[in-house]
Protein backbone atom coordinates (compact mmCIF):
# COMPACT_ATOMS: atom_id res chain seq x y z
CA ASN A 1 29.25 -9.82 -45.21
CA ILE A 2 25.54 -9.23 -45.68
CA CYS A 3 23.24 -11.47 -43.64
CA VAL A 4 19.53 -12.13 -44.08
CA LEU A 5 17.33 -13.87 -41.51
CA ASP A 6 14.50 -15.75 -43.20
CA LYS A 7 11.41 -17.76 -42.26
CA LEU A 8 13.12 -21.03 -43.27
CA HIS A 9 15.08 -21.05 -39.97
CA ARG A 10 18.37 -19.92 -41.44
CA ILE A 11 20.63 -16.94 -41.90
CA SER A 12 21.72 -16.56 -45.51
CA VAL A 13 25.20 -15.06 -45.82
CA TYR A 14 26.30 -13.04 -48.88
CA ASN A 15 29.51 -11.20 -49.69
CA ARG A 16 29.57 -7.44 -50.34
CA GLU A 17 29.04 -8.03 -54.06
CA GLY A 18 25.81 -9.93 -53.32
CA ASP A 19 27.14 -13.41 -54.09
CA TYR A 20 25.58 -16.13 -51.94
CA LEU A 21 28.18 -17.73 -49.65
CA PHE A 22 26.42 -20.17 -47.31
CA PRO A 23 23.42 -20.73 -45.02
CA PHE A 24 23.65 -20.88 -41.24
CA LYS A 25 20.87 -23.20 -40.08
CA LEU A 26 18.89 -22.36 -36.95
CA SER A 27 16.61 -24.54 -34.86
CA PRO A 28 13.43 -25.43 -36.81
CA THR A 29 11.50 -25.74 -33.51
CA SER A 30 12.12 -22.07 -32.65
CA ASN A 31 11.28 -18.68 -34.10
CA HIS A 32 14.01 -16.11 -34.70
CA TYR A 33 13.68 -12.33 -34.80
CA GLY A 34 16.07 -9.45 -35.37
CA LEU A 35 19.67 -9.55 -36.48
CA ALA A 36 22.54 -7.37 -35.31
CA GLU A 37 26.32 -7.50 -35.02
CA MET A 38 28.40 -7.28 -31.85
CA ASP A 39 32.14 -7.86 -31.54
CA GLY A 40 32.27 -9.71 -34.86
CA ARG A 41 29.39 -12.03 -33.97
CA LEU A 42 25.79 -12.01 -35.14
CA VAL A 43 23.11 -11.72 -32.49
CA THR A 44 19.51 -12.87 -32.97
CA ILE A 45 16.50 -13.46 -30.73
CA GLN A 46 15.43 -17.09 -30.39
CA GLU A 47 11.91 -17.77 -29.12
CA ASN A 48 11.51 -21.42 -28.21
CA LYS A 49 7.97 -22.51 -29.07
CA PHE A 50 7.72 -25.11 -26.32
CA THR A 51 10.00 -26.25 -23.56
CA THR A 52 9.68 -28.95 -20.93
CA LYS A 53 8.79 -26.29 -18.33
CA GLY A 54 6.17 -24.37 -20.27
CA PRO A 55 5.02 -22.75 -23.49
CA ARG A 56 8.08 -20.66 -24.37
CA ASP A 57 11.25 -18.99 -23.32
CA THR A 58 13.37 -16.41 -25.12
CA CYS A 59 17.12 -16.09 -25.43
CA LEU A 60 19.79 -14.36 -27.51
CA LEU A 61 22.06 -16.39 -29.76
CA PHE A 62 25.61 -15.18 -30.41
CA ILE A 63 26.80 -16.67 -33.71
CA ASN A 64 30.35 -16.81 -35.06
CA LEU A 65 30.05 -17.05 -38.85
CA GLN A 66 33.75 -17.81 -39.32
CA THR A 67 33.52 -21.01 -37.26
CA LYS A 68 29.81 -21.47 -38.11
CA THR A 69 28.93 -22.06 -34.45
CA ILE A 70 26.65 -20.65 -31.79
CA GLU A 71 29.16 -19.39 -29.25
CA LYS A 72 26.75 -18.29 -26.56
CA LYS A 73 23.08 -18.56 -25.65
CA GLN A 74 21.85 -15.97 -23.15
CA LYS A 75 18.41 -16.10 -21.54
CA VAL A 76 16.25 -12.99 -21.86
CA ILE A 77 12.97 -14.14 -20.30
CA ASP A 78 11.67 -17.42 -18.89
CA PHE A 79 8.29 -18.89 -19.71
CA ALA A 80 6.19 -15.74 -20.10
CA GLN A 81 3.05 -16.69 -22.01
CA ASP A 82 2.43 -13.23 -23.52
CA SER A 83 6.06 -12.29 -24.23
CA LYS A 84 6.86 -11.37 -27.83
CA CYS A 85 10.48 -10.22 -28.14
CA ARG A 86 10.81 -9.07 -31.72
CA PHE A 87 13.38 -6.30 -32.21
CA LEU A 88 16.93 -5.77 -31.04
CA LYS A 89 19.52 -3.02 -31.28
CA ILE A 90 23.11 -2.95 -30.13
CA LYS A 91 24.75 0.29 -29.05
CA ASN A 92 27.76 0.95 -26.80
CA GLN A 93 28.12 -2.76 -25.93
CA LYS A 94 24.51 -2.90 -24.69
CA ILE A 95 21.77 -4.99 -26.29
CA TYR A 96 18.25 -3.54 -26.33
CA VAL A 97 15.38 -6.01 -26.87
CA THR A 98 11.76 -4.88 -27.23
CA ASP A 99 9.00 -7.11 -25.91
CA LEU A 100 5.79 -6.21 -27.74
CA GLY A 101 3.66 -8.64 -25.73
CA LEU A 102 4.64 -7.39 -22.27
CA ASN A 103 5.33 -3.76 -23.31
CA LYS A 104 8.88 -3.87 -21.97
CA LEU A 105 12.37 -2.97 -23.04
CA TYR A 106 15.19 -5.22 -21.84
CA ILE A 107 18.69 -3.73 -21.60
CA ILE A 108 21.42 -6.35 -21.50
CA SER A 109 25.02 -5.54 -20.65
CA GLY A 110 27.29 -8.55 -20.26
CA ASN A 111 25.48 -11.00 -17.99
CA SER A 112 23.28 -8.37 -16.33
CA MET A 113 19.84 -7.32 -17.51
CA LYS A 114 17.28 -4.73 -16.49
CA SER A 115 13.79 -4.14 -17.79
CA ILE A 116 11.84 -0.94 -18.32
CA GLY A 117 8.07 -0.85 -18.53
């Protein structure tokens, strides 16, 4: 499948011929950035605009398009005012997330995470 993340808080899913299949709706109160595939699931960055504890937090969503569900939500950073996680890459079962606001790179492997910068 071909997947497109758009500004309307959804992932549009197409087949290899370019035929539209279905939308996967995301939270309209959050911003989403980047789209990658890992172990048959889509991964995207979700930046929550406001939470009960502060202005924002950022997590990764792991989406199963076959069941049309979010299977996992993994926290990247808590309540950092200047954080702007925008890009992600997956290689060798590691997820790399760039934070343009804090000038950091987060490397996530399973449930562990380290930051550089």
